[in-house]
Amino acid sequence: ENRIFDERKLKFTVGEGLLKDIPEGIEYGVTRMTKGEKSQLKLKSKAIDGLEKFNIPKNAHVEYIVTLHDFEKGVDKWSIADAEKIQESEKLKKRAAELIKDGHYRIACKKYKAIIEYLKTDNYDSEKDKNKVRELKLATHSNMALCCLKLGEYAQCIRACDSALELDSKNEKCFFRRGQSYLAMLDYNEAMKDFQQVLKLNPSNTAATQHIQTCREQIKAYQHQEKQLYAKIFSKMATNNEKTSDQATNGDTKQNKDETATSN
């Protein structure tokens, strides 16, 4: 269209640009700029995600002229002590909870991924720190599963639940969320297993009971459809065999007539 749609000066936190309608492509570009630098950034495809407010089509090619006036460097996870990593992780967890409350699930996911990076190296000596890290990891994977479920990213939700269940094999929420993901992916057998596990942990979970009933109905419907399909296949095969048999019989009859005529 050759129109100017975004002309402003603003301050934002990297990773939260979408809250201010800044596409991810711009965030990525800005992190590679120096103070005072002016750059021309051309975006397309997924790089323009976040421009819905400006009515930009998904297939558009967008050009930004960006000037980085100033920036504050964030915490370098490679240069801080393990105790500080726990503190930073707690800050990220708190911020992620706020984002979830406001429905910003994708941005919250980024915070949880950052926590996972912070806590990758497990070199904690005290039992207090070890327990804290375990709690943080469990909450991170569980809440990431929630975000992925809300975003419809079911395979990622299942992976996050798997990680959480490795830390807590009796985590009702993760069994339930994993079951919901399997259900959304039409894997009714796996979904039912998870919902049954939920009931073992909490027999009063009525939602799990309802989901189990749904799974049973869907499995029964699938088996019925499969039975009908095979019945049609076998019926068609039987019909084809009859036709082949009739053709063979007719051929034999004709041959016998020809042989009789020749003999006469």
Protein backbone atom coordinates (compact mmCIF):
# COMPACT_ATOMS: atom_id res chain seq x y z
CA GLU A 1 0.00 0.00 0.00
CA ASN A 2 3.00 2.27 0.48
CA ARG A 3 1.59 3.90 3.65
CA ILE A 4 3.05 4.89 7.01
CA PHE A 5 1.19 2.99 9.73
CA ASP A 6 3.47 3.19 12.79
CA GLU A 7 5.39 6.31 13.75
CA ARG A 8 6.27 6.60 17.43
CA LYS A 9 9.01 6.74 20.04
CA LEU A 10 8.73 4.21 22.83
CA LYS A 11 10.47 2.11 25.45
CA PHE A 12 9.89 -1.63 25.76
CA THR A 13 11.29 -4.77 27.34
CA VAL A 14 12.77 -7.28 24.91
CA GLY A 15 10.51 -10.30 24.88
CA GLU A 16 7.42 -8.21 25.62
CA GLY A 17 7.26 -6.18 22.43
CA LEU A 18 3.89 -7.66 21.47
CA LEU A 19 2.37 -5.84 24.44
CA LYS A 20 3.15 -2.62 22.57
CA ASP A 21 2.32 -3.95 19.09
CA ILE A 22 5.97 -4.42 18.15
CA PRO A 23 6.50 -7.41 15.82
CA GLU A 24 9.02 -10.07 16.79
CA GLY A 25 11.14 -9.23 13.74
CA ILE A 26 11.76 -5.74 15.12
CA GLU A 27 12.65 -7.12 18.56
CA TYR A 28 15.16 -9.47 16.96
CA GLY A 29 16.67 -6.66 14.88
CA VAL A 30 16.93 -4.20 17.78
CA THR A 31 18.92 -6.67 19.91
CA ARG A 32 21.63 -6.58 17.23
CA MET A 33 21.86 -2.80 17.02
CA THR A 34 24.17 -0.43 18.89
CA LYS A 35 23.27 2.76 20.72
CA GLY A 36 22.47 5.58 18.28
CA GLU A 37 22.28 3.23 15.30
CA LYS A 38 19.61 3.75 12.63
CA SER A 39 18.59 0.70 10.60
CA GLN A 40 16.20 -0.26 7.83
CA LEU A 41 14.46 -3.52 8.74
CA LYS A 42 12.39 -5.44 6.19
CA LEU A 43 9.89 -7.96 7.53
CA LYS A 44 7.61 -10.62 6.08
CA SER A 45 5.88 -13.85 7.03
CA LYS A 46 5.98 -14.65 10.78
CA ALA A 47 8.28 -11.70 11.44
CA ILE A 48 5.29 -9.35 11.16
CA ASP A 49 3.25 -11.13 13.86
CA GLY A 50 1.97 -8.48 16.25
CA LEU A 51 0.76 -5.93 13.71
CA GLU A 52 -2.93 -6.89 13.83
CA LYS A 53 -3.77 -3.50 15.37
CA PHE A 54 -2.60 -1.79 12.18
CA ASN A 55 -4.66 -4.05 9.86
CA ILE A 56 -1.55 -5.42 8.14
CA PRO A 57 -2.28 -8.55 6.03
CA LYS A 58 -0.40 -11.74 6.97
CA ASN A 59 1.25 -11.90 3.52
CA ALA A 60 2.44 -8.28 3.56
CA HIS A 61 6.04 -7.09 3.24
CA VAL A 62 6.74 -4.40 5.83
CA GLU A 63 9.63 -1.97 6.13
CA TYR A 64 10.68 -0.21 9.34
CA ILE A 65 13.19 2.58 9.89
CA VAL A 66 14.36 2.09 13.48
CA THR A 67 16.65 4.25 15.61
CA LEU A 68 17.96 2.80 18.87
CA HIS A 69 18.33 5.87 21.11
CA ASP A 70 19.39 3.98 24.25
CA PHE A 71 19.16 0.60 25.98
CA GLU A 72 19.74 -1.05 29.34
CA LYS A 73 21.53 -4.37 29.24
CA GLY A 74 19.70 -7.23 30.91
CA VAL A 75 21.12 -9.83 33.24
CA ASP A 76 23.73 -12.09 31.65
CA LYS A 77 22.82 -15.61 32.76
CA TRP A 78 26.37 -16.80 32.12
CA SER A 79 28.01 -14.29 34.46
CA ILE A 80 25.80 -14.45 37.56
CA ALA A 81 26.08 -16.79 40.54
CA ASP A 82 23.69 -19.68 41.04
CA ALA A 83 21.94 -17.89 43.92
CA GLU A 84 21.25 -14.93 41.62
CA LYS A 85 19.85 -17.29 38.99
CA ILE A 86 17.26 -18.42 41.52
CA GLN A 87 16.38 -14.80 42.29
CA GLU A 88 16.05 -13.90 38.60
CA SER A 89 13.95 -17.01 38.01
CA GLU A 90 11.56 -15.96 40.79
CA LYS A 91 11.21 -12.51 39.20
CA LEU A 92 10.47 -14.07 35.82
CA LYS A 93 7.95 -16.44 37.39
CA LYS A 94 6.13 -13.52 39.01
CA ARG A 95 6.07 -11.58 35.74
CA ALA A 96 4.86 -14.64 33.83
CA ALA A 97 1.98 -15.06 36.30
CA GLU A 98 0.92 -11.46 35.62
CA LEU A 99 1.06 -12.08 31.87
CA ILE A 100 -1.06 -15.24 32.18
CA LYS A 101 -3.62 -13.33 34.23
CA ASP A 102 -3.92 -10.82 31.37
CA GLY A 103 -4.09 -13.56 28.73
CA HIS A 104 -0.64 -12.99 27.23
CA TYR A 105 0.24 -16.68 27.05
CA ARG A 106 2.86 -16.52 24.31
CA ILE A 107 4.88 -13.86 26.10
CA ALA A 108 4.55 -15.78 29.37
CA CYS A 109 6.00 -18.82 27.59
CA LYS A 110 9.11 -16.80 26.80
CA LYS A 111 9.55 -16.04 30.49
CA TYR A 112 9.24 -19.72 31.39
CA LYS A 113 11.76 -20.66 28.72
CA ALA A 114 14.16 -18.12 30.22
CA ILE A 115 13.70 -19.72 33.66
CA ILE A 116 14.53 -23.13 32.20
CA GLU A 117 17.73 -21.65 30.73
CA TYR A 118 18.68 -20.09 34.08
CA LEU A 119 18.22 -23.37 35.94
CA LYS A 120 19.84 -25.68 33.40
CA THR A 121 23.00 -26.13 35.43
CA ASP A 122 22.09 -27.71 38.74
CA ASN A 123 25.16 -27.05 40.91
CA TYR A 124 23.45 -26.19 44.17
CA ASP A 125 24.96 -27.46 47.41
CA SER A 126 22.36 -26.68 50.06
CA GLU A 127 19.16 -28.70 50.33
CA LYS A 128 17.24 -25.44 50.59
CA ASP A 129 18.48 -24.28 47.18
CA LYS A 130 17.94 -27.70 45.62
CA ASN A 131 14.35 -27.79 46.84
CA LYS A 132 13.75 -24.23 45.65
CA VAL A 133 15.09 -25.03 42.19
CA ARG A 134 12.94 -28.14 42.02
CA GLU A 135 9.85 -26.09 42.96
CA LEU A 136 10.70 -23.46 40.35
CA LYS A 137 11.23 -26.06 37.63
CA LEU A 138 7.98 -27.83 38.49
CA ALA A 139 5.95 -24.61 38.46
CA THR A 140 7.64 -23.52 35.24
CA HIS A 141 6.87 -26.70 33.31
CA SER A 142 3.34 -26.88 34.70
CA ASN A 143 2.52 -23.27 33.82
CA MET A 144 4.18 -23.55 30.43
CA ALA A 145 1.88 -26.51 29.78
CA LEU A 146 -1.08 -24.27 30.64
CA CYS A 147 0.12 -21.59 28.21
CA CYS A 148 0.67 -24.10 25.40
CA LEU A 149 -2.78 -25.58 26.02
CA LYS A 150 -4.36 -22.12 25.78
CA LEU A 151 -2.42 -21.47 22.56
CA GLY A 152 -3.50 -24.77 21.03
CA GLU A 153 0.10 -26.02 20.93
CA TYR A 154 -0.79 -29.49 22.16
CA ALA A 155 2.46 -31.35 21.41
CA GLN A 156 4.42 -28.70 23.36
CA CYS A 157 1.91 -28.96 26.20
CA ILE A 158 2.45 -32.72 26.39
CA ARG A 159 6.23 -32.25 26.52
CA ALA A 160 5.92 -29.66 29.29
CA CYS A 161 3.65 -32.00 31.28
CA ASP A 162 6.12 -34.86 30.79
CA SER A 163 8.89 -32.69 32.26
CA ALA A 164 6.73 -31.67 35.21
CA LEU A 165 5.67 -35.26 35.92
CA GLU A 166 9.32 -36.32 36.03
CA LEU A 167 9.63 -33.96 39.01
CA ASP A 168 6.26 -34.81 40.56
CA SER A 169 4.68 -38.09 39.47
CA LYS A 170 1.43 -37.25 41.29
CA ASN A 171 0.78 -33.85 39.77
CA GLU A 172 -2.97 -33.79 39.12
CA LYS A 173 -2.92 -30.62 37.02
CA CYS A 174 -0.32 -31.96 34.60
CA PHE A 175 -2.11 -35.27 34.11
CA PHE A 176 -5.29 -33.30 33.41
CA ARG A 177 -3.61 -30.86 30.99
CA ARG A 178 -1.83 -33.66 29.18
CA GLY A 179 -5.15 -35.50 28.92
CA GLN A 180 -6.76 -32.37 27.47
CA SER A 181 -4.01 -32.15 24.87
CA TYR A 182 -4.37 -35.80 23.86
CA LEU A 183 -8.13 -35.28 23.66
CA ALA A 184 -7.67 -32.26 21.38
CA MET A 185 -5.33 -34.35 19.20
CA LEU A 186 -8.04 -37.08 19.02
CA ASP A 187 -5.81 -39.59 20.83
CA TYR A 188 -8.66 -40.85 23.01
CA ASN A 189 -6.85 -43.86 24.48
CA GLU A 190 -3.94 -41.81 25.84
CA ALA A 191 -6.32 -39.07 27.00
CA MET A 192 -8.42 -41.58 28.92
CA LYS A 193 -5.33 -42.99 30.66
CA ASP A 194 -4.42 -39.52 31.93
CA PHE A 195 -7.95 -38.69 33.08
CA GLN A 196 -8.15 -42.04 34.89
CA GLN A 197 -4.89 -41.15 36.63
CA VAL A 198 -6.44 -37.83 37.65
CA LEU A 199 -9.33 -39.71 39.27
CA LYS A 200 -6.91 -41.94 41.17
CA LEU A 201 -5.34 -38.80 42.62
CA ASN A 202 -8.62 -36.96 43.09
CA PRO A 203 -11.82 -39.04 42.82
CA SER A 204 -13.97 -35.89 43.09
CA ASN A 205 -12.63 -34.36 39.85
CA THR A 206 -15.89 -34.26 37.88
CA ALA A 207 -14.26 -32.75 34.78
CA ALA A 208 -11.99 -35.80 34.48
CA THR A 209 -15.03 -38.08 34.81
CA GLN A 210 -16.80 -36.21 32.02
CA HIS A 211 -13.73 -36.37 29.79
CA ILE A 212 -13.43 -40.13 30.35
CA GLN A 213 -17.04 -40.52 29.21
CA THR A 214 -16.28 -38.42 26.12
CA CYS A 215 -13.25 -40.61 25.34
CA ARG A 216 -15.30 -43.80 25.67
CA GLU A 217 -18.00 -42.44 23.39
CA GLN A 218 -15.45 -41.35 20.78
CA ILE A 219 -13.61 -44.68 20.91
CA LYS A 220 -16.92 -46.52 20.50
CA ALA A 221 -17.90 -44.28 17.56
CA TYR A 222 -14.51 -44.83 15.93
CA GLN A 223 -14.77 -48.61 16.34
CA HIS A 224 -18.26 -48.52 14.80
CA GLN A 225 -17.00 -46.50 11.81
CA GLU A 226 -14.07 -48.87 11.43
CA LYS A 227 -16.42 -51.88 11.52
CA GLN A 228 -18.61 -50.32 8.81
CA LEU A 229 -15.58 -49.53 6.68
CA TYR A 230 -14.26 -53.09 6.84
CA ALA A 231 -17.76 -54.44 6.14
CA LYS A 232 -17.87 -52.36 2.94
CA ILE A 233 -14.41 -53.53 1.93
CA PHE A 234 -15.25 -57.21 2.49
CA SER A 235 -18.61 -56.79 0.72
CA LYS A 236 -16.88 -55.26 -2.29
CA MET A 237 -14.27 -58.04 -2.30
CA ALA A 238 -17.04 -60.67 -2.15
CA THR A 239 -18.89 -59.01 -5.04
CA ASN A 240 -15.71 -58.89 -7.12
CA ASN A 241 -15.04 -62.58 -6.37
CA GLU A 242 -18.58 -63.48 -7.47
CA LYS A 243 -18.13 -61.57 -10.72
CA THR A 244 -14.82 -63.30 -11.35
CA SER A 245 -16.42 -66.68 -10.60
CA ASP A 246 -19.37 -65.95 -12.94
CA GLN A 247 -17.02 -64.87 -15.72
CA ALA A 248 -15.02 -68.07 -15.29
CA THR A 249 -18.21 -70.19 -15.37
CA ASN A 250 -19.49 -68.44 -18.49
CA GLY A 251 -16.13 -68.98 -20.13
CA ASP A 252 -16.23 -72.71 -19.36
CA THR A 253 -19.81 -73.00 -20.71
CA LYS A 254 -18.89 -71.25 -23.93
CA GLN A 255 -15.82 -73.45 -24.34
CA ASN A 256 -17.95 -76.60 -23.85
CA LYS A 257 -20.44 -75.41 -26.48
CA ASP A 258 -17.64 -74.70 -28.92
CA GLU A 259 -16.15 -78.14 -28.33
CA THR A 260 -19.57 -79.79 -28.87
CA ALA A 261 -20.11 -77.89 -32.12
CA THR A 262 -16.68 -78.92 -33.35
CA SER A 263 -17.36 -82.57 -32.57
CA ASN A 264 -20.61 -82.49 -34.58
